[in-house]
Each structure stands twice: as structure tokens, then as C-alpha cells.
Amino acid sequence: MARILLVEDEELMLKALEFRLKKDEHEVEIAKDGREALLKIQSADFDLIITDIMLPFVSGLEIIGKVKQTPHLAKTPMIVLSAVGLENVVLEAFELGVDDFITKPFNLTELTIRVKKLLKK
């Protein structure tokens, strides 16, 4: 069972994603803002991190940067789910080391396939 950190500030989206990931038998920890996510990342290991870009307190880009710059976390796969699909934001996320970027709205089945693929690496 993979342990996934899901970082999302929109309640409906958070619940839908949490439900789907748990249905696929993943252990899901949630964070509703970037600051909470960073605290959870410091205190536990995750097999995958899924984050939004636009978050209260600390942005998804800052989360990616901190994770990828921390030696014992750097190989943790990360997926961005974001309504912000601007080319410069997408490119910055990939430059920081994100493994996948999915623009909202998206297909939940597509997300679960991408999650499975990253967890197999």
C-alpha cells in the first residue's frame, strides 16, 4: 500500500481525490495548505506527493523546491494538479523536478493511471 500526501485547498476536489485514491488502496494523508504540507513532509515519508500550485501560505512550487532540494526526499515522485496551466508555471515546475503536471479539469482515471506508473518506478 503506497502512502500518498495529497495537498489541495479546495474541499470538494480534496474529498473526491482522497476517495478515489483510497479506493485504489492507497494510504492518503491530506494537507489543506502548503505550510501544513511541509510539516507533514518533515515528519513522515511518502511514496508520492500530489499538490496544487495555488495554495494558502506556501505555494506548490515552493513545496516542490523544498522536497527536491532535500537529499532524503529528492527522489519522491511528485504530481502537480493545477488550474494554472500557464507555460511558464508548467516549465518552472518541471525545472524544479516535478514528475508530472496535470491541468484541471482532468480525468480521474487518467490520474490513477499516472499515479500507478510513478509508483512502479
PDB file of N, CA and C in Angstrom:
ATOM      1  N   MET A   1       0.850  -1.178   0.000  1.00  0.00           N
ATOM      2  CA  MET A   1       0.000   0.000   0.000  1.00  0.00           C
ATOM      3  C   MET A   1       0.895   1.241   0.000  1.00  0.00           C
ATOM      4  N   ALA A   2       0.726   2.082  -1.005  1.00  0.00           N
ATOM      5  CA  ALA A   2       1.528   3.299  -1.112  1.00  0.00           C
ATOM      6  C   ALA A   2       0.966   4.388  -0.210  1.00  0.00           C
ATOM      7  N   ARG A   3       1.871   5.181   0.323  1.00  0.00           N
ATOM      8  CA  ARG A   3       1.485   6.308   1.180  1.00  0.00           C
ATOM      9  C   ARG A   3       1.592   7.584   0.354  1.00  0.00           C
ATOM     10  N   ILE A   4       0.455   8.278   0.183  1.00  0.00           N
ATOM     11  CA  ILE A   4       0.381   9.460  -0.669  1.00  0.00           C
ATOM     12  C   ILE A   4       0.005  10.678   0.162  1.00  0.00           C
ATOM     13  N   LEU A   5       0.741  11.780  -0.058  1.00  0.00           N
ATOM     14  CA  LEU A   5       0.354  13.058   0.523  1.00  0.00           C
ATOM     15  C   LEU A   5      -0.390  13.831  -0.546  1.00  0.00           C
ATOM     16  N   LEU A   6      -1.607  14.237  -0.234  1.00  0.00           N
ATOM     17  CA  LEU A   6      -2.463  14.985  -1.144  1.00  0.00           C
ATOM     18  C   LEU A   6      -2.604  16.397  -0.606  1.00  0.00           C
ATOM     19  N   VAL A   7      -2.129  17.390  -1.369  1.00  0.00           N
ATOM     20  CA  VAL A   7      -2.141  18.786  -0.941  1.00  0.00           C
ATOM     21  C   VAL A   7      -3.104  19.555  -1.831  1.00  0.00           C
ATOM     22  N   GLU A   8      -4.238  19.936  -1.260  1.00  0.00           N
ATOM     23  CA  GLU A   8      -5.303  20.602  -2.027  1.00  0.00           C
ATOM     24  C   GLU A   8      -6.121  21.454  -1.074  1.00  0.00           C
ATOM     25  N   ASP A   9      -6.392  22.707  -1.459  1.00  0.00           N
ATOM     26  CA  ASP A   9      -7.151  23.597  -0.579  1.00  0.00           C
ATOM     27  C   ASP A   9      -8.640  23.649  -0.904  1.00  0.00           C
ATOM     28  N   GLU A  10      -9.047  23.121  -2.042  1.00  0.00           N
ATOM     29  CA  GLU A  10     -10.462  23.105  -2.414  1.00  0.00           C
ATOM     30  C   GLU A  10     -11.106  21.829  -1.860  1.00  0.00           C
ATOM     31  N   GLU A  11     -12.041  21.985  -0.947  1.00  0.00           N
ATOM     32  CA  GLU A  11     -12.619  20.872  -0.191  1.00  0.00           C
ATOM     33  C   GLU A  11     -13.235  19.783  -1.074  1.00  0.00           C
ATOM     34  N   LEU A  12     -14.041  20.158  -2.061  1.00  0.00           N
ATOM     35  CA  LEU A  12     -14.684  19.162  -2.930  1.00  0.00           C
ATOM     36  C   LEU A  12     -13.657  18.353  -3.713  1.00  0.00           C
ATOM     37  N   MET A  13     -12.670  19.046  -4.257  1.00  0.00           N
ATOM     38  CA  MET A  13     -11.616  18.371  -5.011  1.00  0.00           C
ATOM     39  C   MET A  13     -10.830  17.441  -4.084  1.00  0.00           C
ATOM     40  N   LEU A  14     -10.526  17.914  -2.893  1.00  0.00           N
ATOM     41  CA  LEU A  14      -9.784  17.122  -1.909  1.00  0.00           C
ATOM     42  C   LEU A  14     -10.526  15.833  -1.579  1.00  0.00           C
ATOM     43  N   LYS A  15     -11.805  15.934  -1.300  1.00  0.00           N
ATOM     44  CA  LYS A  15     -12.598  14.749  -0.937  1.00  0.00           C
ATOM     45  C   LYS A  15     -12.696  13.764  -2.097  1.00  0.00           C
ATOM     46  N   ALA A  16     -12.906  14.284  -3.322  1.00  0.00           N
ATOM     47  CA  ALA A  16     -13.011  13.403  -4.492  1.00  0.00           C
ATOM     48  C   ALA A  16     -11.703  12.656  -4.737  1.00  0.00           C
ATOM     49  N   LEU A  17     -10.588  13.373  -4.649  1.00  0.00           N
ATOM     50  CA  LEU A  17      -9.285  12.750  -4.863  1.00  0.00           C
ATOM     51  C   LEU A  17      -8.960  11.747  -3.759  1.00  0.00           C
ATOM     52  N   GLU A  18      -9.240  12.132  -2.526  1.00  0.00           N
ATOM     53  CA  GLU A  18      -8.988  11.235  -1.401  1.00  0.00           C
ATOM     54  C   GLU A  18      -9.798   9.945  -1.553  1.00  0.00           C
ATOM     55  N   PHE A  19     -11.068  10.073  -1.889  1.00  0.00           N
ATOM     56  CA  PHE A  19     -11.934   8.905  -2.069  1.00  0.00           C
ATOM     57  C   PHE A  19     -11.386   7.983  -3.159  1.00  0.00           C
ATOM     58  N   ARG A  20     -11.020   8.565  -4.303  1.00  0.00           N
ATOM     59  CA  ARG A  20     -10.541   7.758  -5.428  1.00  0.00           C
ATOM     60  C   ARG A  20      -9.217   7.058  -5.106  1.00  0.00           C
ATOM     61  N   LEU A  21      -8.308   7.778  -4.479  1.00  0.00           N
ATOM     62  CA  LEU A  21      -7.015   7.179  -4.152  1.00  0.00           C
ATOM     63  C   LEU A  21      -7.154   6.081  -3.099  1.00  0.00           C
ATOM     64  N   LYS A  22      -8.034   6.284  -2.130  1.00  0.00           N
ATOM     65  CA  LYS A  22      -8.276   5.236  -1.128  1.00  0.00           C
ATOM     66  C   LYS A  22      -8.956   4.034  -1.755  1.00  0.00           C
ATOM     67  N   LYS A  23      -9.826   4.279  -2.729  1.00  0.00           N
ATOM     68  CA  LYS A  23     -10.496   3.191  -3.447  1.00  0.00           C
ATOM     69  C   LYS A  23      -9.460   2.319  -4.158  1.00  0.00           C
ATOM     70  N   ASP A  24      -8.376   2.939  -4.604  1.00  0.00           N
ATOM     71  CA  ASP A  24      -7.283   2.208  -5.251  1.00  0.00           C
ATOM     72  C   ASP A  24      -6.300   1.640  -4.227  1.00  0.00           C
ATOM     73  N   GLU A  25      -6.722   1.622  -2.958  1.00  0.00           N
ATOM     74  CA  GLU A  25      -5.987   1.008  -1.854  1.00  0.00           C
ATOM     75  C   GLU A  25      -4.677   1.711  -1.507  1.00  0.00           C
ATOM     76  N   HIS A  26      -4.690   3.029  -1.611  1.00  0.00           N
ATOM     77  CA  HIS A  26      -3.547   3.819  -1.166  1.00  0.00           C
ATOM     78  C   HIS A  26      -3.865   4.408   0.201  1.00  0.00           C
ATOM     79  N   GLU A  27      -2.844   4.592   1.003  1.00  0.00           N
ATOM     80  CA  GLU A  27      -2.991   5.301   2.268  1.00  0.00           C
ATOM     81  C   GLU A  27      -2.819   6.783   1.937  1.00  0.00           C
ATOM     82  N   VAL A  28      -3.825   7.599   2.264  1.00  0.00           N
ATOM     83  CA  VAL A  28      -3.811   9.006   1.871  1.00  0.00           C
ATOM     84  C   VAL A  28      -3.779   9.910   3.097  1.00  0.00           C
ATOM     85  N   GLU A  29      -2.785  10.776   3.119  1.00  0.00           N
ATOM     86  CA  GLU A  29      -2.666  11.821   4.134  1.00  0.00           C
ATOM     87  C   GLU A  29      -3.005  13.130   3.416  1.00  0.00           C
ATOM     88  N   ILE A  30      -3.779  13.992   4.058  1.00  0.00           N
ATOM     89  CA  ILE A  30      -4.156  15.238   3.396  1.00  0.00           C
ATOM     90  C   ILE A  30      -3.558  16.453   4.096  1.00  0.00           C
ATOM     91  N   ALA A  31      -3.318  17.490   3.287  1.00  0.00           N
ATOM     92  CA  ALA A  31      -2.888  18.793   3.783  1.00  0.00           C
ATOM     93  C   ALA A  31      -3.699  19.827   3.000  1.00  0.00           C
ATOM     94  N   LYS A  32      -4.267  20.783   3.716  1.00  0.00           N
ATOM     95  CA  LYS A  32      -5.135  21.771   3.068  1.00  0.00           C
ATOM     96  C   LYS A  32      -4.421  23.065   2.711  1.00  0.00           C
ATOM     97  N   ASP A  33      -3.144  23.168   3.037  1.00  0.00           N
ATOM     98  CA  ASP A  33      -2.355  24.326   2.616  1.00  0.00           C
ATOM     99  C   ASP A  33      -0.886  23.924   2.565  1.00  0.00           C
ATOM    100  N   GLY A  34      -0.081  24.801   1.976  1.00  0.00           N
ATOM    101  CA  GLY A  34       1.330  24.485   1.784  1.00  0.00           C
ATOM    102  C   GLY A  34       2.120  24.363   3.067  1.00  0.00           C
ATOM    103  N   ARG A  35       1.793  25.163   4.045  1.00  0.00           N
ATOM    104  CA  ARG A  35       2.512  25.099   5.327  1.00  0.00           C
ATOM    105  C   ARG A  35       2.264  23.756   6.007  1.00  0.00           C
ATOM    106  N   GLU A  36       1.011  23.327   6.020  1.00  0.00           N
ATOM    107  CA  GLU A  36       0.667  22.024   6.604  1.00  0.00           C
ATOM    108  C   GLU A  36       1.382  20.898   5.847  1.00  0.00           C
ATOM    109  N   ALA A  37       1.456  21.027   4.523  1.00  0.00           N
ATOM    110  CA  ALA A  37       2.137  20.012   3.714  1.00  0.00           C
ATOM    111  C   ALA A  37       3.608  19.896   4.098  1.00  0.00           C
ATOM    112  N   LEU A  38       4.282  21.027   4.243  1.00  0.00           N
ATOM    113  CA  LEU A  38       5.699  20.995   4.604  1.00  0.00           C
ATOM    114  C   LEU A  38       5.924  20.364   5.969  1.00  0.00           C
ATOM    115  N   LEU A  39       5.036  20.630   6.913  1.00  0.00           N
ATOM    116  CA  LEU A  39       5.139  20.000   8.238  1.00  0.00           C
ATOM    117  C   LEU A  39       4.990  18.487   8.139  1.00  0.00           C
ATOM    118  N   LYS A  40       4.028  18.040   7.337  1.00  0.00           N
ATOM    119  CA  LYS A  40       3.800  16.598   7.189  1.00  0.00           C
ATOM    120  C   LYS A  40       4.973  15.929   6.478  1.00  0.00           C
ATOM    121  N   ILE A  41       5.542  16.617   5.486  1.00  0.00           N
ATOM    122  CA  ILE A  41       6.675  16.068   4.742  1.00  0.00           C
ATOM    123  C   ILE A  41       7.891  15.911   5.654  1.00  0.00           C
ATOM    124  N   GLN A  42       8.059  16.838   6.589  1.00  0.00           N
ATOM    125  CA  GLN A  42       9.192  16.766   7.515  1.00  0.00           C
ATOM    126  C   GLN A  42       9.039  15.645   8.537  1.00  0.00           C
ATOM    127  N   SER A  43       7.797  15.267   8.837  1.00  0.00           N
ATOM    128  CA  SER A  43       7.579  14.296   9.909  1.00  0.00           C
ATOM    129  C   SER A  43       7.260  12.883   9.429  1.00  0.00           C
ATOM    130  N   ALA A  44       7.103  12.684   8.125  1.00  0.00           N
ATOM    131  CA  ALA A  44       6.760  11.349   7.623  1.00  0.00           C
ATOM    132  C   ALA A  44       7.297  11.163   6.209  1.00  0.00           C
ATOM    133  N   ASP A  45       7.448   9.909   5.810  1.00  0.00           N
ATOM    134  CA  ASP A  45       7.879   9.593   4.450  1.00  0.00           C
ATOM    135  C   ASP A  45       6.657   9.251   3.603  1.00  0.00           C
ATOM    136  N   PHE A  46       6.676   9.698   2.367  1.00  0.00           N
ATOM    137  CA  PHE A  46       5.581   9.424   1.436  1.00  0.00           C
ATOM    138  C   PHE A  46       6.151   8.795   0.175  1.00  0.00           C
ATOM    139  N   ASP A  47       5.355   7.922  -0.438  1.00  0.00           N
ATOM    140  CA  ASP A  47       5.750   7.292  -1.692  1.00  0.00           C
ATOM    141  C   ASP A  47       5.462   8.187  -2.885  1.00  0.00           C
ATOM    142  N   LEU A  48       4.546   9.154  -2.694  1.00  0.00           N
ATOM    143  CA  LEU A  48       4.135  10.067  -3.762  1.00  0.00           C
ATOM    144  C   LEU A  48       3.519  11.302  -3.126  1.00  0.00           C
ATOM    145  N   ILE A  49       3.772  12.457  -3.737  1.00  0.00           N
ATOM    146  CA  ILE A  49       3.145  13.704  -3.297  1.00  0.00           C
ATOM    147  C   ILE A  49       2.384  14.280  -4.481  1.00  0.00           C
ATOM    148  N   ILE A  50       1.111  14.596  -4.244  1.00  0.00           N
ATOM    149  CA  ILE A  50       0.275  15.258  -5.249  1.00  0.00           C
ATOM    150  C   ILE A  50      -0.079  16.624  -4.692  1.00  0.00           C
ATOM    151  N   THR A  51       0.240  17.681  -5.435  1.00  0.00           N
ATOM    152  CA  THR A  51      -0.006  19.028  -4.923  1.00  0.00           C
ATOM    153  C   THR A  51      -0.595  19.954  -5.980  1.00  0.00           C
ATOM    154  N   ASP A  52      -1.361  20.900  -5.502  1.00  0.00           N
ATOM    155  CA  ASP A  52      -1.838  22.002  -6.320  1.00  0.00           C
ATOM    156  C   ASP A  52      -0.724  23.040  -6.357  1.00  0.00           C
ATOM    157  N   ILE A  53      -0.821  24.020  -7.232  1.00  0.00           N
ATOM    158  CA  ILE A  53       0.146  25.120  -7.277  1.00  0.00           C
ATOM    159  C   ILE A  53      -0.310  26.266  -6.386  1.00  0.00           C
ATOM    160  N   MET A  54      -1.565  26.660  -6.558  1.00  0.00           N
ATOM    161  CA  MET A  54      -2.106  27.802  -5.822  1.00  0.00           C
ATOM    162  C   MET A  54      -2.634  27.317  -4.479  1.00  0.00           C
ATOM    163  N   LEU A  55      -1.849  27.566  -3.426  1.00  0.00           N
ATOM    164  CA  LEU A  55      -2.197  27.131  -2.077  1.00  0.00           C
ATOM    165  C   LEU A  55      -2.006  28.284  -1.095  1.00  0.00           C
ATOM    166  N   PRO A  56      -2.753  28.279   0.006  1.00  0.00           N
ATOM    167  CA  PRO A  56      -2.506  29.287   1.040  1.00  0.00           C
ATOM    168  C   PRO A  56      -1.132  29.083   1.689  1.00  0.00           C
ATOM    169  N   PHE A  57      -0.500  30.176   2.072  1.00  0.00           N
ATOM    170  CA  PHE A  57       0.741  30.234   2.850  1.00  0.00           C
ATOM    171  C   PHE A  57       2.000  29.869   2.076  1.00  0.00           C
ATOM    172  N   VAL A  58       2.050  28.685   1.482  1.00  0.00           N
ATOM    173  CA  VAL A  58       3.220  28.213   0.744  1.00  0.00           C
ATOM    174  C   VAL A  58       2.715  27.610  -0.564  1.00  0.00           C
ATOM    175  N   SER A  59       3.275  28.037  -1.687  1.00  0.00           N
ATOM    176  CA  SER A  59       2.797  27.553  -2.986  1.00  0.00           C
ATOM    177  C   SER A  59       3.278  26.132  -3.283  1.00  0.00           C
ATOM    178  N   GLY A  60       2.613  25.501  -4.227  1.00  0.00           N
ATOM    179  CA  GLY A  60       3.034  24.182  -4.668  1.00  0.00           C
ATOM    180  C   GLY A  60       4.443  24.191  -5.236  1.00  0.00           C
ATOM    181  N   LEU A  61       4.810  25.286  -5.924  1.00  0.00           N
ATOM    182  CA  LEU A  61       6.167  25.390  -6.462  1.00  0.00           C
ATOM    183  C   LEU A  61       7.201  25.403  -5.338  1.00  0.00           C
ATOM    184  N   GLU A  62       6.885  26.101  -4.241  1.00  0.00           N
ATOM    185  CA  GLU A  62       7.799  26.112  -3.091  1.00  0.00           C
ATOM    186  C   GLU A  62       7.910  24.717  -2.474  1.00  0.00           C
ATOM    187  N   ILE A  63       6.793  23.995  -2.414  1.00  0.00           N
ATOM    188  CA  ILE A  63       6.815  22.624  -1.880  1.00  0.00           C
ATOM    189  C   ILE A  63       7.720  21.751  -2.745  1.00  0.00           C
ATOM    190  N   ILE A  64       7.547  21.835  -4.062  1.00  0.00           N
ATOM    191  CA  ILE A  64       8.382  21.041  -4.971  1.00  0.00           C
ATOM    192  C   ILE A  64       9.859  21.362  -4.744  1.00  0.00           C
ATOM    193  N   GLY A  65      10.181  22.652  -4.685  1.00  0.00           N
ATOM    194  CA  GLY A  65      11.562  23.068  -4.482  1.00  0.00           C
ATOM    195  C   GLY A  65      12.153  22.511  -3.203  1.00  0.00           C
ATOM    196  N   LYS A  66      11.398  22.592  -2.105  1.00  0.00           N
ATOM    197  CA  LYS A  66      11.905  22.103  -0.811  1.00  0.00           C
ATOM    198  C   LYS A  66      12.092  20.582  -0.828  1.00  0.00           C
ATOM    199  N   VAL A  67      11.128  19.872  -1.408  1.00  0.00           N
ATOM    200  CA  VAL A  67      11.235  18.409  -1.468  1.00  0.00           C
ATOM    201  C   VAL A  67      12.432  17.992  -2.318  1.00  0.00           C
ATOM    202  N   LYS A  68      12.565  18.565  -3.480  1.00  0.00           N
ATOM    203  CA  LYS A  68      13.614  18.151  -4.410  1.00  0.00           C
ATOM    204  C   LYS A  68      15.009  18.598  -3.972  1.00  0.00           C
ATOM    205  N   GLN A  69      15.099  19.575  -3.062  1.00  0.00           N
ATOM    206  CA  GLN A  69      16.393  20.029  -2.554  1.00  0.00           C
ATOM    207  C   GLN A  69      16.799  19.306  -1.265  1.00  0.00           C
ATOM    208  N   THR A  70      15.920  18.478  -0.732  1.00  0.00           N
ATOM    209  CA  THR A  70      16.215  17.747   0.495  1.00  0.00           C
ATOM    210  C   THR A  70      16.681  16.342   0.112  1.00  0.00           C
ATOM    211  N   PRO A  71      17.942  16.001   0.407  1.00  0.00           N
ATOM    212  CA  PRO A  71      18.516  14.748  -0.086  1.00  0.00           C
ATOM    213  C   PRO A  71      17.660  13.496   0.127  1.00  0.00           C
ATOM    214  N   HIS A  72      17.132  13.273   1.326  1.00  0.00           N
ATOM    215  CA  HIS A  72      16.377  12.034   1.558  1.00  0.00           C
ATOM    216  C   HIS A  72      14.973  12.066   0.950  1.00  0.00           C
ATOM    217  N   LEU A  73      14.524  13.220   0.457  1.00  0.00           N
ATOM    218  CA  LEU A  73      13.199  13.339  -0.164  1.00  0.00           C
ATOM    219  C   LEU A  73      13.276  13.513  -1.680  1.00  0.00           C
ATOM    220  N   ALA A  74      14.431  13.846  -2.190  1.00  0.00           N
ATOM    221  CA  ALA A  74      14.584  14.268  -3.584  1.00  0.00           C
ATOM    222  C   ALA A  74      14.033  13.279  -4.609  1.00  0.00           C
ATOM    223  N   LYS A  75      14.057  12.001  -4.294  1.00  0.00           N
ATOM    224  CA  LYS A  75      13.564  11.007  -5.261  1.00  0.00           C
ATOM    225  C   LYS A  75      12.069  10.719  -5.119  1.00  0.00           C
ATOM    226  N   THR A  76      11.399  11.391  -4.188  1.00  0.00           N
ATOM    227  CA  THR A  76       9.957  11.200  -4.011  1.00  0.00           C
ATOM    228  C   THR A  76       9.234  11.710  -5.250  1.00  0.00           C
ATOM    229  N   PRO A  77       8.475  10.855  -5.931  1.00  0.00           N
ATOM    230  CA  PRO A  77       7.745  11.312  -7.110  1.00  0.00           C
ATOM    231  C   PRO A  77       6.684  12.348  -6.724  1.00  0.00           C
ATOM    232  N   MET A  78       6.485  13.310  -7.625  1.00  0.00           N
ATOM    233  CA  MET A  78       5.511  14.368  -7.375  1.00  0.00           C
ATOM    234  C   MET A  78       4.678  14.628  -8.625  1.00  0.00           C
ATOM    235  N   ILE A  79       3.384  14.850  -8.380  1.00  0.00           N
ATOM    236  CA  ILE A  79       2.448  15.230  -9.441  1.00  0.00           C
ATOM    237  C   ILE A  79       1.829  16.560  -9.055  1.00  0.00           C
ATOM    238  N   VAL A  80       1.756  17.472 -10.015  1.00  0.00           N
ATOM    239  CA  VAL A  80       1.038  18.727  -9.819  1.00  0.00           C
ATOM    240  C   VAL A  80      -0.315  18.603 -10.489  1.00  0.00           C
ATOM    241  N   LEU A  81      -1.360  18.981  -9.755  1.00  0.00           N
ATOM    242  CA  LEU A  81      -2.714  19.124 -10.304  1.00  0.00           C
ATOM    243  C   LEU A  81      -3.053  20.595 -10.160  1.00  0.00           C
ATOM    244  N   SER A  82      -3.251  21.300 -11.263  1.00  0.00           N
ATOM    245  CA  SER A  82      -3.451  22.734 -11.138  1.00  0.00           C
ATOM    246  C   SER A  82      -4.327  23.311 -12.230  1.00  0.00           C
ATOM    247  N   ALA A  83      -5.100  24.318 -11.857  1.00  0.00           N
ATOM    248  CA  ALA A  83      -5.877  25.084 -12.830  1.00  0.00           C
ATOM    249  C   ALA A  83      -4.967  26.079 -13.545  1.00  0.00           C
ATOM    250  N   VAL A  84      -3.793  26.314 -12.992  1.00  0.00           N
ATOM    251  CA  VAL A  84      -2.821  27.221 -13.593  1.00  0.00           C
ATOM    252  C   VAL A  84      -1.995  26.425 -14.594  1.00  0.00           C
ATOM    253  N   GLY A  85      -2.325  26.580 -15.868  1.00  0.00           N
ATOM    254  CA  GLY A  85      -1.614  25.835 -16.895  1.00  0.00           C
ATOM    255  C   GLY A  85      -0.723  26.712 -17.747  1.00  0.00           C
ATOM    256  N   LEU A  86      -0.371  27.882 -17.219  1.00  0.00           N
ATOM    257  CA  LEU A  86       0.493  28.783 -17.967  1.00  0.00           C
ATOM    258  C   LEU A  86       1.835  28.124 -18.241  1.00  0.00           C
ATOM    259  N   GLU A  87       2.330  28.317 -19.441  1.00  0.00           N
ATOM    260  CA  GLU A  87       3.562  27.646 -19.852  1.00  0.00           C
ATOM    261  C   GLU A  87       4.716  27.906 -18.890  1.00  0.00           C
ATOM    262  N   ASN A  88       4.860  29.149 -18.416  1.00  0.00           N
ATOM    263  CA  ASN A  88       5.983  29.444 -17.517  1.00  0.00           C
ATOM    264  C   ASN A  88       5.855  28.718 -16.183  1.00  0.00           C
ATOM    265  N   VAL A  89       4.626  28.523 -15.698  1.00  0.00           N
ATOM    266  CA  VAL A  89       4.415  27.797 -14.438  1.00  0.00           C
ATOM    267  C   VAL A  89       4.717  26.309 -14.629  1.00  0.00           C
ATOM    268  N   VAL A  90       4.244  25.756 -15.729  1.00  0.00           N
ATOM    269  CA  VAL A  90       4.500  24.345 -16.030  1.00  0.00           C
ATOM    270  C   VAL A  90       6.002  24.105 -16.168  1.00  0.00           C
ATOM    271  N   LEU A  91       6.669  24.971 -16.911  1.00  0.00           N
ATOM    272  CA  LEU A  91       8.117  24.822 -17.103  1.00  0.00           C
ATOM    273  C   LEU A  91       8.874  24.963 -15.785  1.00  0.00           C
ATOM    274  N   GLU A  92       8.472  25.907 -14.938  1.00  0.00           N
ATOM    275  CA  GLU A  92       9.132  26.076 -13.644  1.00  0.00           C
ATOM    276  C   GLU A  92       8.964  24.824 -12.781  1.00  0.00           C
ATOM    277  N   ALA A  93       7.753  24.254 -12.799  1.00  0.00           N
ATOM    278  CA  ALA A  93       7.506  23.028 -12.024  1.00  0.00           C
ATOM    279  C   ALA A  93       8.430  21.903 -12.486  1.00  0.00           C
ATOM    280  N   PHE A  94       8.566  21.735 -13.799  1.00  0.00           N
ATOM    281  CA  PHE A  94       9.449  20.685 -14.315  1.00  0.00           C
ATOM    282  C   PHE A  94      10.914  20.991 -14.027  1.00  0.00           C
ATOM    283  N   GLU A  95      11.308  22.263 -14.103  1.00  0.00           N
ATOM    284  CA  GLU A  95      12.686  22.635 -13.768  1.00  0.00           C
ATOM    285  C   GLU A  95      13.002  22.346 -12.300  1.00  0.00           C
ATOM    286  N   LEU A  96      12.002  22.492 -11.431  1.00  0.00           N
ATOM    287  CA  LEU A  96      12.189  22.201 -10.011  1.00  0.00           C
ATOM    288  C   LEU A  96      12.240  20.698  -9.734  1.00  0.00           C
ATOM    289  N   GLY A  97      11.758  19.893 -10.690  1.00  0.00           N
ATOM    290  CA  GLY A  97      11.871  18.444 -10.534  1.00  0.00           C
ATOM    291  C   GLY A  97      10.576  17.671 -10.432  1.00  0.00           C
ATOM    292  N   VAL A  98       9.434  18.315 -10.684  1.00  0.00           N
ATOM    293  CA  VAL A  98       8.163  17.583 -10.626  1.00  0.00           C
ATOM    294  C   VAL A  98       8.160  16.498 -11.702  1.00  0.00           C
ATOM    295  N   ASP A  99       7.510  15.392 -11.423  1.00  0.00           N
ATOM    296  CA  ASP A  99       7.494  14.260 -12.348  1.00  0.00           C
ATOM    297  C   ASP A  99       6.356  14.326 -13.363  1.00  0.00           C
ATOM    298  N   ASP A 100       5.257  14.971 -12.979  1.00  0.00           N
ATOM    299  CA  ASP A 100       4.104  15.052 -13.869  1.00  0.00           C
ATOM    300  C   ASP A 100       3.308  16.305 -13.534  1.00  0.00           C
ATOM    301  N   PHE A 101       2.625  16.854 -14.529  1.00  0.00           N
ATOM    302  CA  PHE A 101       1.820  18.067 -14.363  1.00  0.00           C
ATOM    303  C   PHE A 101       0.505  17.826 -15.091  1.00  0.00           C
ATOM    304  N   ILE A 102      -0.592  17.890 -14.350  1.00  0.00           N
ATOM    305  CA  ILE A 102      -1.917  17.673 -14.918  1.00  0.00           C
ATOM    306  C   ILE A 102      -2.731  18.944 -14.699  1.00  0.00           C
ATOM    307  N   THR A 103      -3.292  19.474 -15.786  1.00  0.00           N
ATOM    308  CA  THR A 103      -4.076  20.698 -15.701  1.00  0.00           C
ATOM    309  C   THR A 103      -5.532  20.364 -15.413  1.00  0.00           C
ATOM    310  N   LYS A 104      -6.112  21.096 -14.440  1.00  0.00           N
ATOM    311  CA  LYS A 104      -7.534  20.939 -14.113  1.00  0.00           C
ATOM    312  C   LYS A 104      -8.351  21.650 -15.190  1.00  0.00           C
ATOM    313  N   PRO A 105      -9.525  21.155 -15.527  1.00  0.00           N
ATOM    314  CA  PRO A 105     -10.129  19.904 -15.070  1.00  0.00           C
ATOM    315  C   PRO A 105      -9.423  18.712 -15.709  1.00  0.00           C
ATOM    316  N   PHE A 106      -9.504  17.568 -15.051  1.00  0.00           N
ATOM    317  CA  PHE A 106      -8.815  16.377 -15.525  1.00  0.00           C
ATOM    318  C   PHE A 106      -9.697  15.159 -15.309  1.00  0.00           C
ATOM    319  N   ASN A 107      -9.268  14.053 -15.889  1.00  0.00           N
ATOM    320  CA  ASN A 107      -9.974  12.795 -15.789  1.00  0.00           C
ATOM    321  C   ASN A 107      -9.377  11.987 -14.629  1.00  0.00           C
ATOM    322  N   LEU A 108     -10.211  11.568 -13.676  1.00  0.00           N
ATOM    323  CA  LEU A 108      -9.722  10.819 -12.511  1.00  0.00           C
ATOM    324  C   LEU A 108      -9.054   9.502 -12.904  1.00  0.00           C
ATOM    325  N   THR A 109      -9.566   8.860 -13.931  1.00  0.00           N
ATOM    326  CA  THR A 109      -8.958   7.607 -14.381  1.00  0.00           C
ATOM    327  C   THR A 109      -7.549   7.862 -14.897  1.00  0.00           C
ATOM    328  N   GLU A 110      -7.369   8.962 -15.627  1.00  0.00           N
ATOM    329  CA  GLU A 110      -6.040   9.321 -16.118  1.00  0.00           C
ATOM    330  C   GLU A 110      -5.093   9.553 -14.941  1.00  0.00           C
ATOM    331  N   LEU A 111      -5.570  10.251 -13.927  1.00  0.00           N
ATOM    332  CA  LEU A 111      -4.734  10.494 -12.745  1.00  0.00           C
ATOM    333  C   LEU A 111      -4.321   9.176 -12.097  1.00  0.00           C
ATOM    334  N   THR A 112      -5.262   8.257 -11.915  1.00  0.00           N
ATOM    335  CA  THR A 112      -4.910   6.994 -11.249  1.00  0.00           C
ATOM    336  C   THR A 112      -3.905   6.181 -12.062  1.00  0.00           C
ATOM    337  N   ILE A 113      -3.995   6.255 -13.385  1.00  0.00           N
ATOM    338  CA  ILE A 113      -3.017   5.566 -14.233  1.00  0.00           C
ATOM    339  C   ILE A 113      -1.639   6.183 -14.051  1.00  0.00           C
ATOM    340  N   ARG A 114      -1.588   7.511 -14.016  1.00  0.00           N
ATOM    341  CA  ARG A 114      -0.303   8.195 -13.833  1.00  0.00           C
ATOM    342  C   ARG A 114       0.274   7.910 -12.445  1.00  0.00           C
ATOM    343  N   VAL A 115      -0.583   7.840 -11.429  1.00  0.00           N
ATOM    344  CA  VAL A 115      -0.143   7.506 -10.073  1.00  0.00           C
ATOM    345  C   VAL A 115       0.477   6.115 -10.064  1.00  0.00           C
ATOM    346  N   LYS A 116      -0.222   5.139 -10.641  1.00  0.00           N
ATOM    347  CA  LYS A 116       0.301   3.770 -10.688  1.00  0.00           C
ATOM    348  C   LYS A 116       1.649   3.710 -11.395  1.00  0.00           C
ATOM    349  N   LYS A 117       1.763   4.433 -12.488  1.00  0.00           N
ATOM    350  CA  LYS A 117       3.010   4.439 -13.257  1.00  0.00           C
ATOM    351  C   LYS A 117       4.164   4.995 -12.438  1.00  0.00           C
ATOM    352  N   LEU A 118       3.943   6.111 -11.733  1.00  0.00           N
ATOM    353  CA  LEU A 118       5.014   6.698 -10.921  1.00  0.00           C
ATOM    354  C   LEU A 118       5.379   5.821  -9.729  1.00  0.00           C
ATOM    355  N   LEU A 119       4.404   5.147  -9.154  1.00  0.00           N
ATOM    356  CA  LEU A 119       4.678   4.300  -8.004  1.00  0.00           C
ATOM    357  C   LEU A 119       5.454   3.046  -8.382  1.00  0.00           C
ATOM    358  N   LYS A 120       5.417   2.643  -9.643  1.00  0.00           N
ATOM    359  CA  LYS A 120       6.158   1.471 -10.103  1.00  0.00           C
ATOM    360  C   LYS A 120       7.634   1.760 -10.323  1.00  0.00           C
ATOM    361  N   LYS A 121       8.007   3.024 -10.464  1.00  0.00           N
ATOM    362  CA  LYS A 121       9.415   3.384 -10.726  1.00  0.00           C
ATOM    363  C   LYS A 121      10.291   3.068  -9.550  1.00  0.00           C
TER     364      LYS A 121
END
